[in-house]
Amino acid sequence: MQLAVCLFFALGILTGAEDKKVDPTGAWKWSVTTPTGQVRENILKLKLEGDKLTGTISGQAGETAIEGAKLKGEEITFQVGRDLSGNKFTTKYTGKISGDTIKGKMEMQRDGQVQSREWEAKREKAKAKDSAAQ
C-alpha cells in the first residue's frame, strides 16, 4: 500500500513538471561584435498569449516584427525579415530557454553563403516602480 501511495505521488510530481510551460514573455538583450569590432545591442521583446508567440527585435536597423515564432517546450524558433538598401534577407533564430537565458544559433544567407553564429540573450529584469516618484 505504501508503495502504491509513493508511486501515485511520484507520478503526480512528474506529470506536474511536464505540464509546466516556459514563459518567454519579456525583453531579452544581447550584443553582437561585428567583424570590424563594433558592438551592437539587440533587444528581443516576446509576448506569449495562450499558444501564440509574438514579438519584435530591435537594434541598429530599427524595430522589426518577428515572424513564424514557435515555442515547443524550451525550444524557441522565429525569423526576422529585413530590407537594407534594397537587399532583402531573412535571419532565422533557434534557441533553448533556460530560466532567464536563451542560447541558440542565428543563420542568414549572404552572398549565396549561409552564415551562422551563436547568440545568448538574457532576460531583462522588470524595473521596480520608484515609490518616491510623484
N, C-alpha and C. Protein backbone atom coordinates (compact mmCIF):
# COMPACT_ATOMS: atom_id res chain seq x y z
N MET A 1 0.82 -1.19 0.00
CA MET A 1 0.00 0.00 0.00
C MET A 1 0.87 1.26 0.00
N GLN A 2 1.93 1.25 0.84
CA GLN A 2 2.81 2.42 0.88
C GLN A 2 3.49 2.63 -0.47
N LEU A 3 3.86 1.53 -1.12
CA LEU A 3 4.49 1.62 -2.43
C LEU A 3 3.54 2.26 -3.43
N ALA A 4 2.29 1.87 -3.38
CA ALA A 4 1.28 2.43 -4.29
C ALA A 4 1.12 3.93 -4.06
N VAL A 5 1.08 4.35 -2.81
CA VAL A 5 0.94 5.77 -2.48
C VAL A 5 2.16 6.54 -2.98
N CYS A 6 3.36 6.00 -2.76
CA CYS A 6 4.59 6.65 -3.21
C CYS A 6 4.60 6.79 -4.74
N LEU A 7 4.20 5.73 -5.45
CA LEU A 7 4.15 5.79 -6.91
C LEU A 7 3.14 6.84 -7.38
N PHE A 8 2.01 6.90 -6.71
CA PHE A 8 0.98 7.88 -7.06
C PHE A 8 1.54 9.30 -6.96
N PHE A 9 2.21 9.62 -5.86
CA PHE A 9 2.77 10.95 -5.68
C PHE A 9 3.92 11.22 -6.65
N ALA A 10 4.75 10.22 -6.89
CA ALA A 10 5.86 10.39 -7.82
C ALA A 10 5.33 10.68 -9.22
N LEU A 11 4.32 9.97 -9.66
CA LEU A 11 3.74 10.21 -10.98
C LEU A 11 3.09 11.58 -11.03
N GLY A 12 2.46 11.99 -9.96
CA GLY A 12 1.84 13.31 -9.89
C GLY A 12 2.87 14.41 -10.01
N ILE A 13 4.00 14.26 -9.35
CA ILE A 13 5.06 15.25 -9.41
C ILE A 13 5.65 15.31 -10.82
N LEU A 14 5.91 14.15 -11.43
CA LEU A 14 6.46 14.12 -12.78
C LEU A 14 5.50 14.72 -13.78
N THR A 15 4.23 14.40 -13.67
CA THR A 15 3.23 14.94 -14.58
C THR A 15 3.15 16.45 -14.43
N GLY A 16 3.18 16.93 -13.21
CA GLY A 16 3.14 18.37 -12.96
C GLY A 16 4.33 19.07 -13.57
N ALA A 17 5.49 18.45 -13.51
CA ALA A 17 6.70 19.06 -14.07
C ALA A 17 6.60 19.16 -15.59
N GLU A 18 5.99 18.14 -16.22
CA GLU A 18 5.84 18.15 -17.67
C GLU A 18 4.85 19.22 -18.11
N ASP A 19 3.82 19.48 -17.30
CA ASP A 19 2.79 20.43 -17.66
C ASP A 19 3.26 21.88 -17.53
N LYS A 20 4.31 22.11 -16.78
CA LYS A 20 4.80 23.47 -16.55
C LYS A 20 5.41 23.99 -17.85
N LYS A 21 4.85 25.12 -18.34
CA LYS A 21 5.33 25.69 -19.58
C LYS A 21 6.33 26.81 -19.33
N VAL A 22 7.25 26.94 -20.23
CA VAL A 22 8.20 28.04 -20.20
C VAL A 22 7.46 29.28 -20.69
N ASP A 23 7.63 30.40 -20.00
CA ASP A 23 7.03 31.66 -20.44
C ASP A 23 8.15 32.60 -20.89
N PRO A 24 8.28 32.82 -22.20
CA PRO A 24 9.35 33.67 -22.70
C PRO A 24 9.01 35.16 -22.68
N THR A 25 7.83 35.52 -22.18
CA THR A 25 7.39 36.91 -22.19
C THR A 25 8.41 37.81 -21.50
N GLY A 26 8.74 38.90 -22.15
CA GLY A 26 9.68 39.86 -21.58
C GLY A 26 10.64 40.39 -22.62
N ALA A 27 11.59 41.18 -22.16
CA ALA A 27 12.62 41.76 -23.03
C ALA A 27 13.93 40.99 -22.82
N TRP A 28 14.53 40.55 -23.90
CA TRP A 28 15.76 39.77 -23.89
C TRP A 28 16.84 40.57 -24.61
N LYS A 29 18.00 40.71 -24.00
CA LYS A 29 19.05 41.58 -24.54
C LYS A 29 20.34 40.79 -24.79
N TRP A 30 20.99 41.09 -25.90
CA TRP A 30 22.30 40.52 -26.17
C TRP A 30 23.06 41.47 -27.10
N SER A 31 24.36 41.29 -27.18
CA SER A 31 25.18 42.11 -28.06
C SER A 31 25.94 41.22 -29.03
N VAL A 32 26.25 41.82 -30.17
CA VAL A 32 26.99 41.13 -31.22
C VAL A 32 28.18 42.01 -31.58
N THR A 33 29.34 41.39 -31.70
CA THR A 33 30.53 42.13 -32.15
C THR A 33 30.72 41.84 -33.63
N THR A 34 30.74 42.91 -34.43
CA THR A 34 30.88 42.77 -35.88
C THR A 34 32.34 42.45 -36.23
N PRO A 35 32.58 42.01 -37.47
CA PRO A 35 33.96 41.75 -37.90
C PRO A 35 34.86 42.98 -37.78
N THR A 36 34.26 44.18 -37.80
CA THR A 36 35.06 45.41 -37.68
C THR A 36 35.27 45.82 -36.23
N GLY A 37 34.73 45.02 -35.28
CA GLY A 37 34.93 45.29 -33.87
C GLY A 37 33.84 46.13 -33.21
N GLN A 38 32.83 46.53 -33.97
CA GLN A 38 31.73 47.29 -33.39
C GLN A 38 30.83 46.37 -32.58
N VAL A 39 30.35 46.87 -31.44
CA VAL A 39 29.43 46.11 -30.61
C VAL A 39 28.03 46.66 -30.85
N ARG A 40 27.11 45.77 -31.21
CA ARG A 40 25.73 46.16 -31.49
C ARG A 40 24.79 45.46 -30.51
N GLU A 41 23.97 46.26 -29.86
CA GLU A 41 23.00 45.74 -28.90
C GLU A 41 21.71 45.36 -29.62
N ASN A 42 21.12 44.26 -29.20
CA ASN A 42 19.84 43.80 -29.73
C ASN A 42 18.89 43.56 -28.57
N ILE A 43 17.61 43.87 -28.79
CA ILE A 43 16.59 43.59 -27.79
C ILE A 43 15.44 42.85 -28.47
N LEU A 44 15.12 41.70 -27.94
CA LEU A 44 14.02 40.88 -28.41
C LEU A 44 12.91 40.97 -27.39
N LYS A 45 11.76 41.48 -27.80
CA LYS A 45 10.60 41.57 -26.91
C LYS A 45 9.62 40.49 -27.32
N LEU A 46 9.32 39.59 -26.38
CA LEU A 46 8.42 38.48 -26.65
C LEU A 46 7.17 38.57 -25.80
N LYS A 47 6.06 38.06 -26.37
CA LYS A 47 4.80 38.01 -25.64
C LYS A 47 4.12 36.70 -25.99
N LEU A 48 3.80 35.91 -24.97
CA LEU A 48 3.11 34.65 -25.15
C LEU A 48 1.69 34.80 -24.64
N GLU A 49 0.71 34.59 -25.52
CA GLU A 49 -0.70 34.61 -25.16
C GLU A 49 -1.30 33.28 -25.60
N GLY A 50 -1.60 32.43 -24.61
CA GLY A 50 -2.06 31.08 -24.94
C GLY A 50 -0.92 30.34 -25.61
N ASP A 51 -1.14 29.91 -26.85
CA ASP A 51 -0.10 29.23 -27.61
C ASP A 51 0.52 30.15 -28.67
N LYS A 52 0.08 31.41 -28.72
CA LYS A 52 0.57 32.34 -29.74
C LYS A 52 1.74 33.16 -29.21
N LEU A 53 2.86 33.08 -29.93
CA LEU A 53 4.07 33.81 -29.57
C LEU A 53 4.30 34.90 -30.60
N THR A 54 4.42 36.15 -30.12
CA THR A 54 4.67 37.29 -30.99
C THR A 54 5.81 38.11 -30.40
N GLY A 55 6.29 39.07 -31.19
CA GLY A 55 7.32 39.94 -30.66
C GLY A 55 7.98 40.80 -31.70
N THR A 56 8.97 41.55 -31.23
CA THR A 56 9.76 42.42 -32.08
C THR A 56 11.23 42.27 -31.71
N ILE A 57 12.07 42.63 -32.65
CA ILE A 57 13.50 42.68 -32.39
C ILE A 57 13.97 44.06 -32.80
N SER A 58 14.80 44.66 -31.97
CA SER A 58 15.30 46.00 -32.30
C SER A 58 16.81 46.05 -32.11
N GLY A 59 17.40 46.92 -32.90
CA GLY A 59 18.84 47.10 -32.87
C GLY A 59 19.20 48.25 -33.78
N GLN A 60 20.34 48.18 -34.39
CA GLN A 60 20.82 49.25 -35.26
C GLN A 60 19.87 49.49 -36.44
N ALA A 61 19.23 48.45 -36.94
CA ALA A 61 18.35 48.57 -38.10
C ALA A 61 16.92 48.97 -37.71
N GLY A 62 16.71 49.36 -36.46
CA GLY A 62 15.37 49.74 -36.01
C GLY A 62 14.62 48.55 -35.44
N GLU A 63 13.31 48.71 -35.30
CA GLU A 63 12.47 47.65 -34.73
C GLU A 63 11.72 46.92 -35.83
N THR A 64 11.73 45.60 -35.76
CA THR A 64 11.08 44.76 -36.77
C THR A 64 10.30 43.65 -36.07
N ALA A 65 9.11 43.37 -36.58
CA ALA A 65 8.31 42.27 -36.03
C ALA A 65 8.96 40.93 -36.38
N ILE A 66 8.91 40.00 -35.43
CA ILE A 66 9.40 38.65 -35.71
C ILE A 66 8.28 37.90 -36.43
N GLU A 67 8.66 36.84 -37.15
CA GLU A 67 7.70 36.06 -37.93
C GLU A 67 7.86 34.58 -37.61
N GLY A 68 6.76 33.85 -37.75
CA GLY A 68 6.81 32.40 -37.60
C GLY A 68 7.29 31.93 -36.25
N ALA A 69 7.01 32.69 -35.21
CA ALA A 69 7.51 32.35 -33.87
C ALA A 69 6.80 31.12 -33.33
N LYS A 70 7.59 30.20 -32.79
CA LYS A 70 7.05 28.97 -32.20
C LYS A 70 7.80 28.65 -30.92
N LEU A 71 7.05 28.13 -29.97
CA LEU A 71 7.62 27.68 -28.71
C LEU A 71 7.15 26.25 -28.48
N LYS A 72 8.10 25.34 -28.38
CA LYS A 72 7.78 23.94 -28.13
C LYS A 72 8.64 23.50 -26.97
N GLY A 73 8.01 23.39 -25.79
CA GLY A 73 8.78 23.09 -24.59
C GLY A 73 9.70 24.25 -24.30
N GLU A 74 11.00 23.99 -24.28
CA GLU A 74 12.01 25.04 -24.04
C GLU A 74 12.59 25.58 -25.35
N GLU A 75 12.21 24.97 -26.47
CA GLU A 75 12.77 25.35 -27.77
C GLU A 75 11.98 26.48 -28.40
N ILE A 76 12.69 27.52 -28.84
CA ILE A 76 12.06 28.66 -29.49
C ILE A 76 12.65 28.84 -30.88
N THR A 77 11.79 29.18 -31.86
CA THR A 77 12.24 29.46 -33.21
C THR A 77 11.45 30.67 -33.73
N PHE A 78 12.10 31.50 -34.52
CA PHE A 78 11.44 32.61 -35.19
C PHE A 78 12.39 33.12 -36.26
N GLN A 79 11.87 34.00 -37.09
CA GLN A 79 12.72 34.61 -38.11
C GLN A 79 12.41 36.09 -38.22
N VAL A 80 13.37 36.82 -38.77
CA VAL A 80 13.24 38.26 -38.94
C VAL A 80 13.62 38.59 -40.37
N GLY A 81 12.69 39.21 -41.09
CA GLY A 81 12.95 39.65 -42.46
C GLY A 81 13.29 41.13 -42.46
N ARG A 82 14.33 41.49 -43.17
CA ARG A 82 14.73 42.90 -43.23
C ARG A 82 15.08 43.28 -44.66
N ASP A 83 14.97 44.56 -44.93
CA ASP A 83 15.32 45.13 -46.22
C ASP A 83 16.32 46.25 -45.95
N LEU A 84 17.56 46.02 -46.31
CA LEU A 84 18.61 47.02 -46.12
C LEU A 84 19.11 47.48 -47.48
N SER A 85 18.88 48.73 -47.79
CA SER A 85 19.33 49.33 -49.05
C SER A 85 18.87 48.52 -50.26
N GLY A 86 17.63 48.06 -50.22
CA GLY A 86 17.07 47.30 -51.33
C GLY A 86 17.42 45.83 -51.34
N ASN A 87 18.24 45.39 -50.40
CA ASN A 87 18.59 43.97 -50.29
C ASN A 87 17.75 43.32 -49.20
N LYS A 88 16.95 42.34 -49.58
CA LYS A 88 16.11 41.64 -48.61
C LYS A 88 16.82 40.39 -48.12
N PHE A 89 16.76 40.18 -46.80
CA PHE A 89 17.32 38.95 -46.24
C PHE A 89 16.53 38.56 -45.00
N THR A 90 16.63 37.29 -44.67
CA THR A 90 15.93 36.75 -43.51
C THR A 90 16.94 36.09 -42.60
N THR A 91 16.83 36.39 -41.31
CA THR A 91 17.67 35.75 -40.30
C THR A 91 16.79 34.79 -39.53
N LYS A 92 17.21 33.55 -39.43
CA LYS A 92 16.47 32.53 -38.68
C LYS A 92 17.14 32.31 -37.33
N TYR A 93 16.32 32.32 -36.29
CA TYR A 93 16.81 32.14 -34.93
C TYR A 93 16.26 30.85 -34.35
N THR A 94 17.12 30.09 -33.68
CA THR A 94 16.69 28.94 -32.90
C THR A 94 17.35 29.08 -31.54
N GLY A 95 16.71 28.56 -30.51
CA GLY A 95 17.31 28.65 -29.20
C GLY A 95 16.60 27.80 -28.18
N LYS A 96 17.23 27.68 -27.03
CA LYS A 96 16.67 26.94 -25.91
C LYS A 96 16.61 27.89 -24.72
N ILE A 97 15.42 27.97 -24.13
CA ILE A 97 15.22 28.84 -22.98
C ILE A 97 15.48 28.07 -21.70
N SER A 98 16.33 28.64 -20.86
CA SER A 98 16.62 28.06 -19.56
C SER A 98 16.60 29.20 -18.55
N GLY A 99 15.51 29.30 -17.80
CA GLY A 99 15.37 30.39 -16.84
C GLY A 99 15.31 31.73 -17.56
N ASP A 100 16.28 32.60 -17.28
CA ASP A 100 16.34 33.92 -17.90
C ASP A 100 17.40 34.02 -18.97
N THR A 101 17.70 32.88 -19.62
CA THR A 101 18.71 32.85 -20.68
C THR A 101 18.17 32.08 -21.88
N ILE A 102 18.43 32.63 -23.06
CA ILE A 102 18.18 31.90 -24.31
C ILE A 102 19.54 31.72 -24.97
N LYS A 103 19.89 30.48 -25.27
CA LYS A 103 21.13 30.19 -26.00
C LYS A 103 20.72 29.51 -27.29
N GLY A 104 21.32 29.96 -28.39
CA GLY A 104 20.96 29.35 -29.66
C GLY A 104 21.85 29.76 -30.80
N LYS A 105 21.27 29.66 -31.99
CA LYS A 105 22.01 29.89 -33.21
C LYS A 105 21.16 30.77 -34.12
N MET A 106 21.81 31.69 -34.81
CA MET A 106 21.14 32.50 -35.81
C MET A 106 21.82 32.25 -37.15
N GLU A 107 21.00 32.14 -38.21
CA GLU A 107 21.53 31.86 -39.54
C GLU A 107 20.95 32.83 -40.55
N MET A 108 21.78 33.28 -41.46
CA MET A 108 21.33 34.11 -42.57
C MET A 108 22.15 33.79 -43.80
N GLN A 109 21.57 34.08 -44.95
CA GLN A 109 22.28 33.83 -46.19
C GLN A 109 22.82 35.16 -46.71
N ARG A 110 24.10 35.17 -47.03
CA ARG A 110 24.74 36.38 -47.53
C ARG A 110 25.68 35.99 -48.66
N ASP A 111 25.53 36.65 -49.80
CA ASP A 111 26.36 36.36 -50.98
C ASP A 111 26.29 34.88 -51.34
N GLY A 112 25.11 34.29 -51.21
CA GLY A 112 24.92 32.88 -51.56
C GLY A 112 25.46 31.89 -50.54
N GLN A 113 26.02 32.39 -49.46
CA GLN A 113 26.58 31.53 -48.42
C GLN A 113 25.75 31.65 -47.14
N VAL A 114 25.51 30.51 -46.48
CA VAL A 114 24.82 30.53 -45.20
C VAL A 114 25.84 30.85 -44.12
N GLN A 115 25.55 31.89 -43.37
CA GLN A 115 26.42 32.28 -42.26
C GLN A 115 25.65 32.05 -40.97
N SER A 116 26.35 31.55 -39.97
CA SER A 116 25.68 31.33 -38.69
C SER A 116 26.59 31.78 -37.56
N ARG A 117 25.94 32.11 -36.46
CA ARG A 117 26.69 32.46 -35.26
C ARG A 117 25.82 32.12 -34.06
N GLU A 118 26.48 31.95 -32.94
CA GLU A 118 25.79 31.66 -31.69
C GLU A 118 25.24 32.97 -31.13
N TRP A 119 24.15 32.88 -30.40
CA TRP A 119 23.63 34.03 -29.69
C TRP A 119 23.17 33.61 -28.32
N GLU A 120 23.31 34.51 -27.36
CA GLU A 120 22.88 34.24 -25.99
C GLU A 120 22.26 35.52 -25.44
N ALA A 121 20.98 35.44 -25.15
CA ALA A 121 20.25 36.61 -24.65
C ALA A 121 19.89 36.40 -23.19
N LYS A 122 19.88 37.49 -22.46
CA LYS A 122 19.48 37.48 -21.05
C LYS A 122 18.19 38.29 -20.90
N ARG A 123 17.25 37.74 -20.14
CA ARG A 123 16.00 38.47 -19.90
C ARG A 123 16.29 39.64 -18.97
N GLU A 124 15.82 40.82 -19.37
CA GLU A 124 15.99 41.99 -18.52
C GLU A 124 14.99 41.91 -17.38
N LYS A 125 15.44 42.25 -16.21
CA LYS A 125 14.58 42.25 -15.04
C LYS A 125 13.60 43.40 -15.15
N ALA A 126 12.37 43.18 -14.72
CA ALA A 126 11.37 44.24 -14.73
C ALA A 126 11.83 45.33 -13.76
N LYS A 127 11.71 46.55 -14.22
CA LYS A 127 12.15 47.67 -13.39
C LYS A 127 11.09 47.97 -12.34
N ALA A 128 11.53 48.04 -11.09
CA ALA A 128 10.62 48.35 -9.99
C ALA A 128 10.21 49.81 -10.09
N LYS A 129 8.95 50.07 -9.80
CA LYS A 129 8.48 51.44 -9.81
C LYS A 129 9.04 52.18 -8.62
N ASP A 130 9.46 53.37 -8.87
CA ASP A 130 10.03 54.21 -7.81
C ASP A 130 8.90 54.75 -6.96
N SER A 131 8.81 54.31 -5.73
CA SER A 131 7.72 54.72 -4.86
C SER A 131 7.85 56.18 -4.44
N ALA A 132 9.04 56.75 -4.60
CA ALA A 132 9.24 58.15 -4.22
C ALA A 132 8.83 59.10 -5.34
N ALA A 133 8.64 58.56 -6.57
CA ALA A 133 8.26 59.42 -7.69
C ALA A 133 6.85 59.96 -7.48
N GLN A 134 6.65 61.19 -7.90
CA GLN A 134 5.33 61.80 -7.72
C GLN A 134 4.59 61.86 -9.01
